[in-house]
Amino acid sequence: MSRPTNLVWDVRKRSLGLEDPRLIRLSYLGRREFIQRLKLEAKLNVHDGCVNTICWNDTGEYILSGSDDTNLVITNPYSRKVNLIYNVCISLMENKYQTAVNFKKK
């Protein structure tokens, strides 16, 4: 039996650090009422070129994005803080439309 939820409050608790992001993710993953309420929260102006790919980490705490500016950027989308900018050489960007990462917060 699923527990009653309040989407707005649960997402707010996550952004305030009051609840484990994994619990929110598991509670709402693939649920129609959640997907239908998605909207643009903010723009992260961390690239100078077209963003070709993004990838969330397992907890939903960070986004890795890759762009035509040849930078890979790890950003916390909630605080809008850039954690890492890594410039890759052009030869490594051949498959610029796919990015995957497994990183953990220390």
C-alpha atoms as a PDB file:
ATOM      1  CA  MET A   1       0.000   0.000   0.000  1.00  0.00           C
ATOM      2  CA  SER A   2       1.483   3.355  -0.964  1.00  0.00           C
ATOM      3  CA  ARG A   3       1.627   6.151   1.558  1.00  0.00           C
ATOM      4  CA  PRO A   4      -0.264   9.405   0.936  1.00  0.00           C
ATOM      5  CA  THR A   5       2.015  12.086  -0.453  1.00  0.00           C
ATOM      6  CA  ASN A   6       2.035  15.797  -1.035  1.00  0.00           C
ATOM      7  CA  LEU A   7       4.180  16.438  -4.081  1.00  0.00           C
ATOM      8  CA  VAL A   8       4.881  20.107  -3.429  1.00  0.00           C
ATOM      9  CA  TRP A   9       5.861  19.561   0.206  1.00  0.00           C
ATOM     10  CA  ASP A  10       7.990  16.504  -0.582  1.00  0.00           C
ATOM     11  CA  VAL A  11       9.952  18.353  -3.266  1.00  0.00           C
ATOM     12  CA  ARG A  12      10.373  21.345  -0.935  1.00  0.00           C
ATOM     13  CA  LYS A  13      11.683  19.080   1.863  1.00  0.00           C
ATOM     14  CA  ARG A  14      14.201  17.670  -0.599  1.00  0.00           C
ATOM     15  CA  SER A  15      15.446  21.110  -1.650  1.00  0.00           C
ATOM     16  CA  LEU A  16      15.808  22.099   2.036  1.00  0.00           C
ATOM     17  CA  GLY A  17      17.776  18.941   2.793  1.00  0.00           C
ATOM     18  CA  LEU A  18      15.117  17.650   5.198  1.00  0.00           C
ATOM     19  CA  GLU A  19      14.637  14.337   3.442  1.00  0.00           C
ATOM     20  CA  ASP A  20      16.865  11.871   1.641  1.00  0.00           C
ATOM     21  CA  PRO A  21      16.662  12.629  -2.115  1.00  0.00           C
ATOM     22  CA  ARG A  22      16.529   8.899  -2.877  1.00  0.00           C
ATOM     23  CA  LEU A  23      13.226   8.564  -1.007  1.00  0.00           C
ATOM     24  CA  ILE A  24      11.637  11.315  -3.072  1.00  0.00           C
ATOM     25  CA  ARG A  25      12.955   9.779  -6.264  1.00  0.00           C
ATOM     26  CA  LEU A  26      11.567   6.353  -5.395  1.00  0.00           C
ATOM     27  CA  SER A  27       8.221   7.806  -4.314  1.00  0.00           C
ATOM     28  CA  TYR A  28       7.567   9.712  -7.532  1.00  0.00           C
ATOM     29  CA  LEU A  29       9.564   7.923 -10.230  1.00  0.00           C
ATOM     30  CA  GLY A  30       7.289   7.473 -13.213  1.00  0.00           C
ATOM     31  CA  ARG A  31       4.100   8.640 -11.483  1.00  0.00           C
ATOM     32  CA  ARG A  32       1.734  10.422 -13.859  1.00  0.00           C
ATOM     33  CA  GLU A  33       0.692  13.115 -11.365  1.00  0.00           C
ATOM     34  CA  PHE A  34       4.338  14.041 -10.902  1.00  0.00           C
ATOM     35  CA  ILE A  35       5.246  14.090 -14.597  1.00  0.00           C
ATOM     36  CA  GLN A  36       2.223  16.236 -15.483  1.00  0.00           C
ATOM     37  CA  ARG A  37       3.267  18.891 -12.958  1.00  0.00           C
ATOM     38  CA  LEU A  38       6.829  19.307 -14.207  1.00  0.00           C
ATOM     39  CA  LYS A  39       7.791  22.778 -15.384  1.00  0.00           C
ATOM     40  CA  LEU A  40      10.920  24.817 -15.905  1.00  0.00           C
ATOM     41  CA  GLU A  41      12.324  25.580 -12.458  1.00  0.00           C
ATOM     42  CA  ALA A  42      15.413  27.538 -13.475  1.00  0.00           C
ATOM     43  CA  LYS A  43      17.976  27.960 -16.206  1.00  0.00           C
ATOM     44  CA  LEU A  44      21.531  26.984 -15.331  1.00  0.00           C
ATOM     45  CA  ASN A  45      23.744  29.254 -17.410  1.00  0.00           C
ATOM     46  CA  VAL A  46      26.909  27.193 -17.101  1.00  0.00           C
ATOM     47  CA  HIS A  47      27.812  26.673 -20.780  1.00  0.00           C
ATOM     48  CA  ASP A  48      28.787  28.924 -23.675  1.00  0.00           C
ATOM     49  CA  GLY A  49      27.566  26.489 -26.310  1.00  0.00           C
ATOM     50  CA  CYS A  50      24.648  24.253 -27.104  1.00  0.00           C
ATOM     51  CA  VAL A  51      24.089  21.640 -24.375  1.00  0.00           C
ATOM     52  CA  ASN A  52      24.058  18.239 -26.023  1.00  0.00           C
ATOM     53  CA  THR A  53      23.586  15.942 -23.049  1.00  0.00           C
ATOM     54  CA  ILE A  54      22.735  15.868 -19.364  1.00  0.00           C
ATOM     55  CA  CYS A  55      22.879  13.106 -16.785  1.00  0.00           C
ATOM     56  CA  TRP A  56      21.623  13.095 -13.189  1.00  0.00           C
ATOM     57  CA  ASN A  57      23.567  11.210 -10.527  1.00  0.00           C
ATOM     58  CA  ASP A  58      21.838   8.378  -8.649  1.00  0.00           C
ATOM     59  CA  THR A  59      20.541  10.563  -5.812  1.00  0.00           C
ATOM     60  CA  GLY A  60      19.295  13.365  -8.060  1.00  0.00           C
ATOM     61  CA  GLU A  61      21.585  15.797  -6.279  1.00  0.00           C
ATOM     62  CA  TYR A  62      23.839  16.740  -9.219  1.00  0.00           C
ATOM     63  CA  ILE A  63      23.641  17.178 -12.979  1.00  0.00           C
ATOM     64  CA  LEU A  64      26.519  16.501 -15.370  1.00  0.00           C
ATOM     65  CA  SER A  65      26.128  18.413 -18.631  1.00  0.00           C
ATOM     66  CA  GLY A  66      28.184  18.371 -21.803  1.00  0.00           C
ATOM     67  CA  SER A  67      28.242  21.137 -24.378  1.00  0.00           C
ATOM     68  CA  ASP A  68      29.679  22.317 -27.684  1.00  0.00           C
ATOM     69  CA  ASP A  69      31.960  24.552 -25.590  1.00  0.00           C
ATOM     70  CA  THR A  70      33.847  21.261 -24.811  1.00  0.00           C
ATOM     71  CA  ASN A  71      33.159  21.585 -21.091  1.00  0.00           C
ATOM     72  CA  LEU A  72      31.700  18.972 -18.805  1.00  0.00           C
ATOM     73  CA  VAL A  73      30.050  20.722 -15.857  1.00  0.00           C
ATOM     74  CA  ILE A  74      28.779  19.219 -12.596  1.00  0.00           C
ATOM     75  CA  THR A  75      26.121  21.444 -11.075  1.00  0.00           C
ATOM     76  CA  ASN A  76      23.884  21.263  -8.019  1.00  0.00           C
ATOM     77  CA  PRO A  77      20.589  22.339  -9.613  1.00  0.00           C
ATOM     78  CA  TYR A  78      19.004  23.272  -6.281  1.00  0.00           C
ATOM     79  CA  SER A  79      21.668  25.675  -5.056  1.00  0.00           C
ATOM     80  CA  ARG A  80      22.657  26.476  -8.678  1.00  0.00           C
ATOM     81  CA  LYS A  81      26.278  26.043  -7.601  1.00  0.00           C
ATOM     82  CA  VAL A  82      28.838  24.765 -10.098  1.00  0.00           C
ATOM     83  CA  ASN A  83      30.905  22.046  -8.435  1.00  0.00           C
ATOM     84  CA  LEU A  84      33.293  21.254 -11.290  1.00  0.00           C
ATOM     85  CA  ILE A  85      34.118  22.444 -14.791  1.00  0.00           C
ATOM     86  CA  TYR A  86      36.267  20.074 -16.808  1.00  0.00           C
ATOM     87  CA  ASN A  87      37.435  20.991 -20.299  1.00  0.00           C
ATOM     88  CA  VAL A  88      37.858  17.952 -22.529  1.00  0.00           C
ATOM     89  CA  CYS A  89      39.874  17.843 -25.694  1.00  0.00           C
ATOM     90  CA  ILE A  90      37.922  17.722 -28.937  1.00  0.00           C
ATOM     91  CA  SER A  91      38.936  14.115 -29.695  1.00  0.00           C
ATOM     92  CA  LEU A  92      37.175  12.983 -26.509  1.00  0.00           C
ATOM     93  CA  MET A  93      33.994  14.755 -27.554  1.00  0.00           C
ATOM     94  CA  GLU A  94      33.340  12.554 -30.612  1.00  0.00           C
ATOM     95  CA  ASN A  95      30.261  11.063 -28.972  1.00  0.00           C
ATOM     96  CA  LYS A  96      29.040  14.349 -27.527  1.00  0.00           C
ATOM     97  CA  TYR A  97      25.430  13.235 -27.337  1.00  0.00           C
ATOM     98  CA  GLN A  98      25.945  10.683 -24.600  1.00  0.00           C
ATOM     99  CA  THR A  99      27.238  11.293 -21.097  1.00  0.00           C
ATOM    100  CA  ALA A 100      27.146   9.042 -18.068  1.00  0.00           C
ATOM    101  CA  VAL A 101      28.778   9.379 -14.696  1.00  0.00           C
ATOM    102  CA  ASN A 102      28.878   7.645 -11.366  1.00  0.00           C
ATOM    103  CA  PHE A 103      30.039  10.094  -8.733  1.00  0.00           C
ATOM    104  CA  LYS A 104      29.427  10.367  -5.023  1.00  0.00           C
ATOM    105  CA  LYS A 105      29.479  13.311  -2.662  1.00  0.00           C
ATOM    106  CA  LYS A 106      32.413  13.188  -0.245  1.00  0.00           C
END
